Amino acid sequence: MLGATMKAYHLNGHAGSGRLVRTDLVKPEPASGEVRIRVEATSLNYRDLLILDRAGQGGFDGRVPLCDGAGIVDAVGADVIQWRAGDRVAASYFRDWVSGPFKASYIPSALGSSTMDGMLAEYVVLPATALVAVPEHLTSIEAATLPCAGVTAWHGLIARGGMGKGNTLLVQGTGGVALFGLQFAVALGARAIVISSSDEKLARAHALGASILINYRDTPDWDAAVMTATAGEGVTHVLELGGPGTYDRSLRAVASGGKIIQIGVLTGFGPKPDLARLQWENADIIGVTVGSLEHFTAMNRFLSEHAIHPIVDRVYDFDDAPEAYAHLRSGSHFGKIVVSL
């Protein structure tokens, strides 16, 4: 006898660049050490567009997408003592990366990947060790934005980058990671410089605490503008989200002894940094792929202490998930795009 079913989406790799398909799946049951979550919200990241476009390659076909999600504990398996039904939780990006330094063996445990189903379903089952408690001041819609973008910014800028009061952060754009970085900087007492092609988005960034605003369409040599704004010193931290299209300018904008937090590939792959300049400036490049459960927990404490609310651009109903993908692809968003279940 078949078990109860649930609504979900999966990737169909047989339609060229791939497409999102609404489906019904068997409702999963938690085994020993596992927890079943009734997903209330999930959010999109740029990596989800890359995966959608590669749905016919490398095992993505048939997978439930999206790595971000938050909801309510619905059932627990045997030997689970840290969670009970009714607890509000969010899933960690890497199921297996609990603490300590990153290991390549964690890569297959990324949710919504070619090796692991994601969060775009009514129910998911995960190990009890792969969950964090949702900060009490956040809704599930807000909490669903945290696992990838929030943790990425925290891991790179704070856990490894050591950003703090008196530092200056350069933020590229106004997407999810960018705005988390901006909010963290403001809360820590660091100065934030934001570059964007939209004056409207820059005005919204200013309202969040950005002190220096640069429209890179009007000022294509934005690295020179950054140096002018910092009296020739450069910035202590760069949240590098663009990739090869921005990397050289990031190197020219970083201060001596500064840190470039390498995260994004918005302009493609294959950046070739000027390593001679990197050495001359005694600067560091910190490569970041999201973070651990430990990073997530530390970030949540910070969010609670500073009463920080994630910036949500738009919320889509579950049946409109394909429209959420289209909105992300348009690049018109400010902050995070969420699908509510």
C-alpha atoms as a PDB file:
ATOM      1  CA  MET A   1       0.000   0.000   0.000  1.00  0.00           C
ATOM      2  CA  LEU A   2       1.374   3.371  -1.007  1.00  0.00           C
ATOM      3  CA  GLY A   3       1.934   5.956   1.700  1.00  0.00           C
ATOM      4  CA  ALA A   4       0.518   9.449   1.799  1.00  0.00           C
ATOM      5  CA  THR A   5       1.716  11.820  -0.888  1.00  0.00           C
ATOM      6  CA  MET A   6       2.980  15.386  -0.846  1.00  0.00           C
ATOM      7  CA  LYS A   7       3.376  18.115  -3.415  1.00  0.00           C
ATOM      8  CA  ALA A   8       6.849  18.908  -4.685  1.00  0.00           C
ATOM      9  CA  TYR A   9       8.835  20.068  -7.697  1.00  0.00           C
ATOM     10  CA  HIS A  10      11.556  18.199  -9.504  1.00  0.00           C
ATOM     11  CA  LEU A  11      13.918  19.063 -12.331  1.00  0.00           C
ATOM     12  CA  ASN A  12      13.254  17.670 -15.786  1.00  0.00           C
ATOM     13  CA  GLY A  13      16.458  17.391 -17.763  1.00  0.00           C
ATOM     14  CA  HIS A  14      14.769  16.328 -21.000  1.00  0.00           C
ATOM     15  CA  ALA A  15      13.659  19.784 -22.096  1.00  0.00           C
ATOM     16  CA  GLY A  16      16.836  21.412 -23.326  1.00  0.00           C
ATOM     17  CA  SER A  17      18.089  23.725 -20.618  1.00  0.00           C
ATOM     18  CA  GLY A  18      15.890  22.040 -18.037  1.00  0.00           C
ATOM     19  CA  ARG A  19      12.582  22.962 -16.466  1.00  0.00           C
ATOM     20  CA  LEU A  20      10.741  22.800 -13.200  1.00  0.00           C
ATOM     21  CA  VAL A  21       7.962  20.201 -12.947  1.00  0.00           C
ATOM     22  CA  ARG A  22       5.184  20.094 -10.351  1.00  0.00           C
ATOM     23  CA  THR A  23       4.752  16.549  -9.048  1.00  0.00           C
ATOM     24  CA  ASP A  24       3.468  14.406  -6.190  1.00  0.00           C
ATOM     25  CA  LEU A  25       5.897  12.303  -4.171  1.00  0.00           C
ATOM     26  CA  VAL A  26       5.508   9.843  -1.342  1.00  0.00           C
ATOM     27  CA  LYS A  27       5.619  11.623   2.004  1.00  0.00           C
ATOM     28  CA  PRO A  28       8.930  10.575   3.610  1.00  0.00           C
ATOM     29  CA  GLU A  29       9.214   8.902   7.005  1.00  0.00           C
ATOM     30  CA  PRO A  30      12.054   9.721   9.411  1.00  0.00           C
ATOM     31  CA  ALA A  31      14.413   6.892  10.327  1.00  0.00           C
ATOM     32  CA  SER A  32      16.444   6.719  13.521  1.00  0.00           C
ATOM     33  CA  GLY A  33      18.312   9.981  14.074  1.00  0.00           C
ATOM     34  CA  GLU A  34      16.216  11.839  11.490  1.00  0.00           C
ATOM     35  CA  VAL A  35      13.608  14.581  11.597  1.00  0.00           C
ATOM     36  CA  ARG A  36      10.731  15.285   9.235  1.00  0.00           C
ATOM     37  CA  ILE A  37      10.070  18.950   8.547  1.00  0.00           C
ATOM     38  CA  ARG A  38       6.863  20.450   7.225  1.00  0.00           C
ATOM     39  CA  VAL A  39       8.382  23.082   4.980  1.00  0.00           C
ATOM     40  CA  GLU A  40       6.748  26.493   5.300  1.00  0.00           C
ATOM     41  CA  ALA A  41       9.034  28.493   3.027  1.00  0.00           C
ATOM     42  CA  THR A  42      12.043  28.075   0.784  1.00  0.00           C
ATOM     43  CA  SER A  43      14.159  30.645  -1.036  1.00  0.00           C
ATOM     44  CA  LEU A  44      16.151  30.875  -4.246  1.00  0.00           C
ATOM     45  CA  ASN A  45      19.836  31.547  -4.845  1.00  0.00           C
ATOM     46  CA  TYR A  46      21.811  32.198  -8.017  1.00  0.00           C
ATOM     47  CA  ARG A  47      23.154  28.634  -7.877  1.00  0.00           C
ATOM     48  CA  ASP A  48      19.576  27.422  -8.436  1.00  0.00           C
ATOM     49  CA  LEU A  49      19.521  29.063 -11.871  1.00  0.00           C
ATOM     50  CA  LEU A  50      22.803  27.353 -12.752  1.00  0.00           C
ATOM     51  CA  ILE A  51      21.353  24.016 -11.643  1.00  0.00           C
ATOM     52  CA  LEU A  52      18.104  24.549 -13.558  1.00  0.00           C
ATOM     53  CA  ASP A  53      20.065  25.256 -16.719  1.00  0.00           C
ATOM     54  CA  ARG A  54      22.093  22.071 -16.207  1.00  0.00           C
ATOM     55  CA  ALA A  55      19.148  19.858 -15.259  1.00  0.00           C
ATOM     56  CA  GLY A  56      20.006  17.339 -17.954  1.00  0.00           C
ATOM     57  CA  GLN A  57      23.595  16.959 -16.779  1.00  0.00           C
ATOM     58  CA  GLY A  58      25.435  15.343 -13.911  1.00  0.00           C
ATOM     59  CA  GLY A  59      22.583  13.823 -11.932  1.00  0.00           C
ATOM     60  CA  PHE A  60      20.333  16.875 -11.552  1.00  0.00           C
ATOM     61  CA  ASP A  61      17.510  15.280 -13.562  1.00  0.00           C
ATOM     62  CA  GLY A  62      14.679  14.286 -11.231  1.00  0.00           C
ATOM     63  CA  ARG A  63      16.108  16.037  -8.182  1.00  0.00           C
ATOM     64  CA  VAL A  64      14.008  18.245  -5.902  1.00  0.00           C
ATOM     65  CA  PRO A  65      15.706  21.669  -6.106  1.00  0.00           C
ATOM     66  CA  LEU A  66      16.572  24.500  -3.696  1.00  0.00           C
ATOM     67  CA  CYS A  67      18.915  24.399  -0.718  1.00  0.00           C
ATOM     68  CA  ASP A  68      17.149  26.947   1.489  1.00  0.00           C
ATOM     69  CA  GLY A  69      14.174  26.162   3.664  1.00  0.00           C
ATOM     70  CA  ALA A  70      12.514  26.603   7.034  1.00  0.00           C
ATOM     71  CA  GLY A  71       9.521  25.034   8.683  1.00  0.00           C
ATOM     72  CA  ILE A  72       8.102  23.049  11.579  1.00  0.00           C
ATOM     73  CA  VAL A  73       9.287  19.715  12.948  1.00  0.00           C
ATOM     74  CA  ASP A  74       6.493  17.328  12.024  1.00  0.00           C
ATOM     75  CA  ALA A  75       7.874  14.000  13.280  1.00  0.00           C
ATOM     76  CA  VAL A  76      11.091  12.630  14.756  1.00  0.00           C
ATOM     77  CA  GLY A  77      12.727   9.245  14.435  1.00  0.00           C
ATOM     78  CA  ALA A  78      14.094   7.103  17.223  1.00  0.00           C
ATOM     79  CA  ASP A  79      17.056   8.448  19.200  1.00  0.00           C
ATOM     80  CA  VAL A  80      16.303  12.106  18.390  1.00  0.00           C
ATOM     81  CA  ILE A  81      16.471  14.078  21.621  1.00  0.00           C
ATOM     82  CA  GLN A  82      17.272  17.642  20.521  1.00  0.00           C
ATOM     83  CA  TRP A  83      14.086  18.236  18.510  1.00  0.00           C
ATOM     84  CA  ARG A  84      10.398  17.601  19.031  1.00  0.00           C
ATOM     85  CA  ALA A  85       7.220  18.139  17.033  1.00  0.00           C
ATOM     86  CA  GLY A  86       6.384  21.821  16.741  1.00  0.00           C
ATOM     87  CA  ASP A  87       9.947  23.147  16.870  1.00  0.00           C
ATOM     88  CA  ARG A  88      10.764  25.827  14.288  1.00  0.00           C
ATOM     89  CA  VAL A  89      13.874  24.894  12.329  1.00  0.00           C
ATOM     90  CA  ALA A  90      15.917  25.678   9.228  1.00  0.00           C
ATOM     91  CA  ALA A  91      18.084  23.266   7.268  1.00  0.00           C
ATOM     92  CA  SER A  92      21.840  23.680   6.943  1.00  0.00           C
ATOM     93  CA  TYR A  93      23.163  23.934   3.364  1.00  0.00           C
ATOM     94  CA  PHE A  94      25.622  21.062   3.832  1.00  0.00           C
ATOM     95  CA  ARG A  95      23.891  18.198   5.607  1.00  0.00           C
ATOM     96  CA  ASP A  96      27.199  16.762   6.821  1.00  0.00           C
ATOM     97  CA  TRP A  97      29.252  19.875   7.657  1.00  0.00           C
ATOM     98  CA  VAL A  98      28.503  20.355  11.335  1.00  0.00           C
ATOM     99  CA  SER A  99      31.669  22.111  12.527  1.00  0.00           C
ATOM    100  CA  GLY A 100      35.385  22.466  11.935  1.00  0.00           C
ATOM    101  CA  PRO A 101      37.173  23.235   8.663  1.00  0.00           C
ATOM    102  CA  PHE A 102      35.652  22.414   5.304  1.00  0.00           C
ATOM    103  CA  LYS A 103      36.341  19.024   3.722  1.00  0.00           C
ATOM    104  CA  ALA A 104      35.741  18.047   0.101  1.00  0.00           C
ATOM    105  CA  SER A 105      33.744  15.071   1.365  1.00  0.00           C
ATOM    106  CA  TYR A 106      30.992  17.494   2.437  1.00  0.00           C
ATOM    107  CA  ILE A 107      30.219  18.561  -1.137  1.00  0.00           C
ATOM    108  CA  PRO A 108      27.851  15.650  -1.952  1.00  0.00           C
ATOM    109  CA  SER A 109      25.763  16.566   1.104  1.00  0.00           C
ATOM    110  CA  ALA A 110      24.698  19.956  -0.302  1.00  0.00           C
ATOM    111  CA  LEU A 111      20.913  20.167  -0.429  1.00  0.00           C
ATOM    112  CA  GLY A 112      19.277  20.683  -3.807  1.00  0.00           C
ATOM    113  CA  SER A 113      22.318  19.385  -5.670  1.00  0.00           C
ATOM    114  CA  SER A 114      23.029  16.554  -8.103  1.00  0.00           C
ATOM    115  CA  THR A 115      23.477  14.187  -5.160  1.00  0.00           C
ATOM    116  CA  MET A 116      20.877  15.393  -2.670  1.00  0.00           C
ATOM    117  CA  ASP A 117      17.230  16.443  -2.919  1.00  0.00           C
ATOM    118  CA  GLY A 118      16.381  19.944  -1.787  1.00  0.00           C
ATOM    119  CA  MET A 119      13.639  21.883  -0.035  1.00  0.00           C
ATOM    120  CA  LEU A 120      11.021  22.621  -2.715  1.00  0.00           C
ATOM    121  CA  ALA A 121       8.575  20.090  -1.274  1.00  0.00           C
ATOM    122  CA  GLU A 122       5.937  19.984   1.443  1.00  0.00           C
ATOM    123  CA  TYR A 123       8.008  17.674   3.630  1.00  0.00           C
ATOM    124  CA  VAL A 124      11.685  16.816   3.875  1.00  0.00           C
ATOM    125  CA  VAL A 125      13.572  14.393   6.089  1.00  0.00           C
ATOM    126  CA  LEU A 126      17.042  15.309   7.342  1.00  0.00           C
ATOM    127  CA  PRO A 127      19.423  14.189  10.082  1.00  0.00           C
ATOM    128  CA  ALA A 128      18.717  15.856  13.411  1.00  0.00           C
ATOM    129  CA  THR A 129      22.289  17.182  13.277  1.00  0.00           C
ATOM    130  CA  ALA A 130      21.583  19.143  10.069  1.00  0.00           C
ATOM    131  CA  LEU A 131      19.086  21.586  11.579  1.00  0.00           C
ATOM    132  CA  VAL A 132      19.228  24.849  13.498  1.00  0.00           C
ATOM    133  CA  ALA A 133      16.565  26.569  15.567  1.00  0.00           C
ATOM    134  CA  VAL A 134      14.961  29.560  13.861  1.00  0.00           C
ATOM    135  CA  PRO A 135      15.551  32.855  15.713  1.00  0.00           C
ATOM    136  CA  GLU A 136      12.377  33.743  17.582  1.00  0.00           C
ATOM    137  CA  HIS A 137      12.068  37.182  16.005  1.00  0.00           C
ATOM    138  CA  LEU A 138      11.987  35.812  12.447  1.00  0.00           C
ATOM    139  CA  THR A 139       9.100  34.417  10.436  1.00  0.00           C
ATOM    140  CA  SER A 140       9.575  31.216   8.453  1.00  0.00           C
ATOM    141  CA  ILE A 141       9.641  33.305   5.278  1.00  0.00           C
ATOM    142  CA  GLU A 142      12.542  35.312   6.682  1.00  0.00           C
ATOM    143  CA  ALA A 143      14.305  32.244   8.095  1.00  0.00           C
ATOM    144  CA  ALA A 144      14.145  30.505   4.716  1.00  0.00           C
ATOM    145  CA  THR A 145      16.563  33.105   3.342  1.00  0.00           C
ATOM    146  CA  LEU A 146      19.352  32.253   5.786  1.00  0.00           C
ATOM    147  CA  PRO A 147      20.963  28.868   4.952  1.00  0.00           C
ATOM    148  CA  CYS A 148      22.891  29.828   1.816  1.00  0.00           C
ATOM    149  CA  ALA A 149      23.132  33.612   1.458  1.00  0.00           C
ATOM    150  CA  GLY A 150      23.204  34.507   5.131  1.00  0.00           C
ATOM    151  CA  VAL A 151      25.669  31.823   6.167  1.00  0.00           C
ATOM    152  CA  THR A 152      27.894  32.566   3.167  1.00  0.00           C
ATOM    153  CA  ALA A 153      28.209  36.225   4.142  1.00  0.00           C
ATOM    154  CA  TRP A 154      28.770  35.333   7.798  1.00  0.00           C
ATOM    155  CA  HIS A 155      31.392  32.663   7.115  1.00  0.00           C
ATOM    156  CA  GLY A 156      33.371  34.807   4.693  1.00  0.00           C
ATOM    157  CA  LEU A 157      33.190  38.225   6.299  1.00  0.00           C
ATOM    158  CA  ILE A 158      33.109  37.418   9.990  1.00  0.00           C
ATOM    159  CA  ALA A 159      34.124  33.839  10.781  1.00  0.00           C
ATOM    160  CA  ARG A 160      37.138  33.958   8.466  1.00  0.00           C
ATOM    161  CA  GLY A 161      37.386  37.570   7.368  1.00  0.00           C
ATOM    162  CA  GLY A 162      37.260  39.019  10.875  1.00  0.00           C
ATOM    163  CA  MET A 163      35.270  42.081   9.811  1.00  0.00           C
ATOM    164  CA  GLY A 164      34.562  44.472  12.659  1.00  0.00           C
ATOM    165  CA  LYS A 165      34.190  48.038  13.827  1.00  0.00           C
ATOM    166  CA  GLY A 166      36.294  50.509  11.878  1.00  0.00           C
ATOM    167  CA  ASN A 167      36.615  48.315   8.787  1.00  0.00           C
ATOM    168  CA  THR A 168      35.306  49.258   5.348  1.00  0.00           C
ATOM    169  CA  LEU A 169      33.359  46.760   3.242  1.00  0.00           C
ATOM    170  CA  LEU A 170      32.785  46.917  -0.514  1.00  0.00           C
ATOM    171  CA  VAL A 171      29.526  45.198  -1.466  1.00  0.00           C
ATOM    172  CA  GLN A 172      28.855  44.282  -5.089  1.00  0.00           C
ATOM    173  CA  GLY A 173      25.172  44.491  -5.927  1.00  0.00           C
ATOM    174  CA  THR A 174      22.019  44.096  -3.873  1.00  0.00           C
ATOM    175  CA  GLY A 175      21.221  40.394  -3.976  1.00  0.00           C
ATOM    176  CA  GLY A 176      20.887  38.081  -1.009  1.00  0.00           C
ATOM    177  CA  VAL A 177      24.540  37.647  -0.014  1.00  0.00           C
ATOM    178  CA  ALA A 178      25.262  41.315  -0.694  1.00  0.00           C
ATOM    179  CA  LEU A 179      22.527  42.606   1.587  1.00  0.00           C
ATOM    180  CA  PHE A 180      23.385  40.214   4.389  1.00  0.00           C
ATOM    181  CA  GLY A 181      26.948  41.493   4.147  1.00  0.00           C
ATOM    182  CA  LEU A 182      25.689  45.076   4.293  1.00  0.00           C
ATOM    183  CA  GLN A 183      23.509  44.375   7.320  1.00  0.00           C
ATOM    184  CA  PHE A 184      26.342  42.608   9.152  1.00  0.00           C
ATOM    185  CA  ALA A 185      28.723  45.485   8.440  1.00  0.00           C
ATOM    186  CA  VAL A 186      26.299  48.098   9.731  1.00  0.00           C
ATOM    187  CA  ALA A 187      25.571  46.079  12.877  1.00  0.00           C
ATOM    188  CA  LEU A 188      29.303  45.716  13.561  1.00  0.00           C
ATOM    189  CA  GLY A 189      30.060  49.401  13.071  1.00  0.00           C
ATOM    190  CA  ALA A 190      31.923  48.947   9.784  1.00  0.00           C
ATOM    191  CA  ARG A 191      31.507  51.372   6.884  1.00  0.00           C
ATOM    192  CA  ALA A 192      29.802  49.947   3.794  1.00  0.00           C
ATOM    193  CA  ILE A 193      30.285  50.936   0.157  1.00  0.00           C
ATOM    194  CA  VAL A 194      27.688  49.532  -2.251  1.00  0.00           C
ATOM    195  CA  ILE A 195      27.957  49.426  -6.038  1.00  0.00           C
ATOM    196  CA  SER A 196      24.923  48.807  -8.248  1.00  0.00           C
ATOM    197  CA  SER A 197      23.602  49.739 -11.669  1.00  0.00           C
ATOM    198  CA  SER A 198      20.339  51.017 -10.167  1.00  0.00           C
ATOM    199  CA  ASP A 199      19.943  54.337  -8.367  1.00  0.00           C
ATOM    200  CA  GLU A 200      16.717  53.039  -6.834  1.00  0.00           C
ATOM    201  CA  LYS A 201      18.509  50.030  -5.350  1.00  0.00           C
ATOM    202  CA  LEU A 202      21.338  52.246  -4.140  1.00  0.00           C
ATOM    203  CA  ALA A 203      18.801  54.437  -2.347  1.00  0.00           C
ATOM    204  CA  ARG A 204      17.383  51.368  -0.623  1.00  0.00           C
ATOM    205  CA  ALA A 205      20.896  50.254   0.328  1.00  0.00           C
ATOM    206  CA  HIS A 206      21.488  53.707   1.812  1.00  0.00           C
ATOM    207  CA  ALA A 207      18.348  53.277   3.921  1.00  0.00           C
ATOM    208  CA  LEU A 208      19.879  50.056   5.276  1.00  0.00           C
ATOM    209  CA  GLY A 209      23.023  51.885   6.337  1.00  0.00           C
ATOM    210  CA  ALA A 210      25.345  52.018   3.320  1.00  0.00           C
ATOM    211  CA  SER A 211      27.384  55.213   3.555  1.00  0.00           C
ATOM    212  CA  ILE A 212      28.923  55.384   0.073  1.00  0.00           C
ATOM    213  CA  LEU A 213      26.938  54.605  -3.086  1.00  0.00           C
ATOM    214  CA  ILE A 214      28.400  54.095  -6.567  1.00  0.00           C
ATOM    215  CA  ASN A 215      26.395  53.491  -9.733  1.00  0.00           C
ATOM    216  CA  TYR A 216      28.780  51.441 -11.858  1.00  0.00           C
ATOM    217  CA  ARG A 217      26.911  52.270 -15.073  1.00  0.00           C
ATOM    218  CA  ASP A 218      27.601  55.951 -14.514  1.00  0.00           C
ATOM    219  CA  THR A 219      31.021  55.224 -13.001  1.00  0.00           C
ATOM    220  CA  PRO A 220      32.498  52.184 -14.768  1.00  0.00           C
ATOM    221  CA  ASP A 221      35.853  52.815 -13.076  1.00  0.00           C
ATOM    222  CA  TRP A 222      34.236  52.144  -9.725  1.00  0.00           C
ATOM    223  CA  ASP A 223      37.507  50.899  -8.255  1.00  0.00           C
ATOM    224  CA  ALA A 224      38.968  54.389  -8.680  1.00  0.00           C
ATOM    225  CA  ALA A 225      35.855  55.847  -7.050  1.00  0.00           C
ATOM    226  CA  VAL A 226      36.325  53.481  -4.108  1.00  0.00           C
ATOM    227  CA  MET A 227      39.931  54.604  -3.702  1.00  0.00           C
ATOM    228  CA  THR A 228      38.850  58.247  -3.779  1.00  0.00           C
ATOM    229  CA  ALA A 229      36.130  57.601  -1.198  1.00  0.00           C
ATOM    230  CA  THR A 230      38.664  55.943   1.109  1.00  0.00           C
ATOM    231  CA  ALA A 231      41.344  58.640   0.742  1.00  0.00           C
ATOM    232  CA  GLY A 232      43.487  56.288  -1.316  1.00  0.00           C
ATOM    233  CA  GLU A 233      43.506  53.540   1.308  1.00  0.00           C
ATOM    234  CA  GLY A 234      41.082  51.068  -0.277  1.00  0.00           C
ATOM    235  CA  VAL A 235      38.655  48.799   1.551  1.00  0.00           C
ATOM    236  CA  THR A 236      39.556  46.241   4.183  1.00  0.00           C
ATOM    237  CA  HIS A 237      37.002  43.735   2.863  1.00  0.00           C
ATOM    238  CA  VAL A 238      35.550  43.058  -0.581  1.00  0.00           C
ATOM    239  CA  LEU A 239      32.462  40.881  -0.943  1.00  0.00           C
ATOM    240  CA  GLU A 240      33.433  39.612  -4.408  1.00  0.00           C
ATOM    241  CA  LEU A 241      30.263  38.386  -6.098  1.00  0.00           C
ATOM    242  CA  GLY A 242      30.835  39.152  -9.759  1.00  0.00           C
ATOM    243  CA  GLY A 243      33.652  36.867 -10.851  1.00  0.00           C
ATOM    244  CA  PRO A 244      35.891  37.651 -13.831  1.00  0.00           C
ATOM    245  CA  GLY A 245      33.944  40.790 -14.716  1.00  0.00           C
ATOM    246  CA  THR A 246      34.729  42.450 -11.398  1.00  0.00           C
ATOM    247  CA  TYR A 247      37.807  40.722 -10.025  1.00  0.00           C
ATOM    248  CA  ASP A 248      40.505  43.011 -11.392  1.00  0.00           C
ATOM    249  CA  ARG A 249      38.716  46.066 -10.044  1.00  0.00           C
ATOM    250  CA  SER A 250      38.229  44.361  -6.684  1.00  0.00           C
ATOM    251  CA  LEU A 251      41.985  43.841  -6.524  1.00  0.00           C
ATOM    252  CA  ARG A 252      42.559  47.505  -7.297  1.00  0.00           C
ATOM    253  CA  ALA A 253      40.062  48.557  -4.616  1.00  0.00           C
ATOM    254  CA  VAL A 254      41.328  46.405  -1.738  1.00  0.00           C
ATOM    255  CA  ALA A 255      43.521  47.961   0.937  1.00  0.00           C
ATOM    256  CA  SER A 256      46.976  46.746   1.821  1.00  0.00           C
ATOM    257  CA  GLY A 257      46.458  43.738   4.056  1.00  0.00           C
ATOM    258  CA  GLY A 258      42.811  43.593   3.017  1.00  0.00           C
ATOM    259  CA  LYS A 259      40.660  40.582   2.280  1.00  0.00           C
ATOM    260  CA  ILE A 260      38.713  39.618  -0.828  1.00  0.00           C
ATOM    261  CA  ILE A 261      35.889  37.244   0.071  1.00  0.00           C
ATOM    262  CA  GLN A 262      35.481  35.225  -3.121  1.00  0.00           C
ATOM    263  CA  ILE A 263      31.941  33.964  -3.532  1.00  0.00           C
ATOM    264  CA  GLY A 264      30.189  34.778  -6.770  1.00  0.00           C
ATOM    265  CA  VAL A 265      30.255  33.962 -10.458  1.00  0.00           C
ATOM    266  CA  LEU A 266      27.585  36.379 -11.663  1.00  0.00           C
ATOM    267  CA  THR A 267      29.643  37.299 -14.727  1.00  0.00           C
ATOM    268  CA  GLY A 268      30.791  33.732 -15.399  1.00  0.00           C
ATOM    269  CA  PHE A 269      33.655  31.511 -14.351  1.00  0.00           C
ATOM    270  CA  GLY A 270      37.426  31.646 -14.584  1.00  0.00           C
ATOM    271  CA  PRO A 271      38.657  34.819 -12.858  1.00  0.00           C
ATOM    272  CA  LYS A 272      42.396  35.324 -13.251  1.00  0.00           C
ATOM    273  CA  PRO A 273      43.477  37.622 -10.443  1.00  0.00           C
ATOM    274  CA  ASP A 274      46.618  39.698 -10.669  1.00  0.00           C
ATOM    275  CA  LEU A 275      48.584  37.679  -8.141  1.00  0.00           C
ATOM    276  CA  ALA A 276      51.508  40.079  -8.307  1.00  0.00           C
ATOM    277  CA  ARG A 277      49.298  42.880  -7.009  1.00  0.00           C
ATOM    278  CA  LEU A 278      47.843  40.545  -4.384  1.00  0.00           C
ATOM    279  CA  GLN A 279      51.329  39.818  -3.104  1.00  0.00           C
ATOM    280  CA  TRP A 280      52.442  43.449  -3.295  1.00  0.00           C
ATOM    281  CA  GLU A 281      49.463  44.568  -1.224  1.00  0.00           C
ATOM    282  CA  ASN A 282      49.836  41.667   1.235  1.00  0.00           C
ATOM    283  CA  ALA A 283      46.142  41.008   0.626  1.00  0.00           C
ATOM    284  CA  ASP A 284      44.248  37.746   1.039  1.00  0.00           C
ATOM    285  CA  ILE A 285      41.685  35.921  -1.048  1.00  0.00           C
ATOM    286  CA  ILE A 286      39.274  33.861   1.048  1.00  0.00           C
ATOM    287  CA  GLY A 287      37.330  31.284  -0.939  1.00  0.00           C
ATOM    288  CA  VAL A 288      33.912  30.539   0.534  1.00  0.00           C
ATOM    289  CA  THR A 289      31.318  27.876  -0.217  1.00  0.00           C
ATOM    290  CA  VAL A 290      28.491  28.643   2.227  1.00  0.00           C
ATOM    291  CA  GLY A 291      29.377  27.321   5.708  1.00  0.00           C
ATOM    292  CA  SER A 292      28.787  24.851   8.515  1.00  0.00           C
ATOM    293  CA  LEU A 293      26.011  24.287  11.023  1.00  0.00           C
ATOM    294  CA  GLU A 294      28.303  25.920  13.571  1.00  0.00           C
ATOM    295  CA  HIS A 295      28.531  29.045  11.396  1.00  0.00           C
ATOM    296  CA  PHE A 296      24.741  29.022  11.005  1.00  0.00           C
ATOM    297  CA  THR A 297      24.192  28.824  14.759  1.00  0.00           C
ATOM    298  CA  ALA A 298      26.641  31.656  15.459  1.00  0.00           C
ATOM    299  CA  MET A 299      25.014  33.819  12.798  1.00  0.00           C
ATOM    300  CA  ASN A 300      21.565  33.222  14.285  1.00  0.00           C
ATOM    301  CA  ARG A 301      22.784  34.423  17.682  1.00  0.00           C
ATOM    302  CA  PHE A 302      24.080  37.579  16.000  1.00  0.00           C
ATOM    303  CA  LEU A 303      20.790  38.124  14.169  1.00  0.00           C
ATOM    304  CA  SER A 304      18.906  37.809  17.449  1.00  0.00           C
ATOM    305  CA  GLU A 305      21.274  40.096  19.364  1.00  0.00           C
ATOM    306  CA  HIS A 306      20.971  42.824  16.733  1.00  0.00           C
ATOM    307  CA  ALA A 307      17.306  42.188  15.800  1.00  0.00           C
ATOM    308  CA  ILE A 308      18.277  41.875  12.134  1.00  0.00           C
ATOM    309  CA  HIS A 309      15.545  40.936   9.670  1.00  0.00           C
ATOM    310  CA  PRO A 310      16.551  39.551   6.246  1.00  0.00           C
ATOM    311  CA  ILE A 311      15.493  41.605   3.233  1.00  0.00           C
ATOM    312  CA  VAL A 312      12.778  39.757   1.307  1.00  0.00           C
ATOM    313  CA  ASP A 313      12.109  41.059  -2.193  1.00  0.00           C
ATOM    314  CA  ARG A 314       9.029  39.033  -3.098  1.00  0.00           C
ATOM    315  CA  VAL A 315       7.107  35.972  -1.916  1.00  0.00           C
ATOM    316  CA  TYR A 316       5.567  33.540  -4.417  1.00  0.00           C
ATOM    317  CA  ASP A 317       2.975  30.843  -3.819  1.00  0.00           C
ATOM    318  CA  PHE A 318       4.121  27.263  -4.264  1.00  0.00           C
ATOM    319  CA  ASP A 319       2.250  26.876  -7.550  1.00  0.00           C
ATOM    320  CA  ASP A 320       4.069  29.939  -8.888  1.00  0.00           C
ATOM    321  CA  ALA A 321       7.594  28.641  -8.222  1.00  0.00           C
ATOM    322  CA  PRO A 322       8.543  28.844 -11.936  1.00  0.00           C
ATOM    323  CA  GLU A 323       7.732  32.569 -11.808  1.00  0.00           C
ATOM    324  CA  ALA A 324      10.068  32.932  -8.829  1.00  0.00           C
ATOM    325  CA  TYR A 325      12.880  31.463 -10.935  1.00  0.00           C
ATOM    326  CA  ALA A 326      12.053  33.877 -13.760  1.00  0.00           C
ATOM    327  CA  HIS A 327      12.122  36.819 -11.370  1.00  0.00           C
ATOM    328  CA  LEU A 328      15.540  35.778 -10.077  1.00  0.00           C
ATOM    329  CA  ARG A 329      16.838  35.456 -13.631  1.00  0.00           C
ATOM    330  CA  SER A 330      15.644  38.984 -14.442  1.00  0.00           C
ATOM    331  CA  GLY A 331      18.082  40.425 -11.906  1.00  0.00           C
ATOM    332  CA  SER A 332      15.529  43.005 -10.805  1.00  0.00           C
ATOM    333  CA  HIS A 333      15.267  41.747  -7.230  1.00  0.00           C
ATOM    334  CA  PHE A 334      16.527  43.510  -4.106  1.00  0.00           C
ATOM    335  CA  GLY A 335      17.286  40.883  -1.495  1.00  0.00           C
ATOM    336  CA  LYS A 336      15.812  37.399  -1.403  1.00  0.00           C
ATOM    337  CA  ILE A 337      13.062  35.695  -3.401  1.00  0.00           C
ATOM    338  CA  VAL A 338      10.928  33.260  -1.390  1.00  0.00           C
ATOM    339  CA  VAL A 339       8.432  30.511  -2.221  1.00  0.00           C
ATOM    340  CA  SER A 340       5.796  29.979   0.476  1.00  0.00           C
ATOM    341  CA  LEU A 341       4.121  26.612   1.005  1.00  0.00           C
END
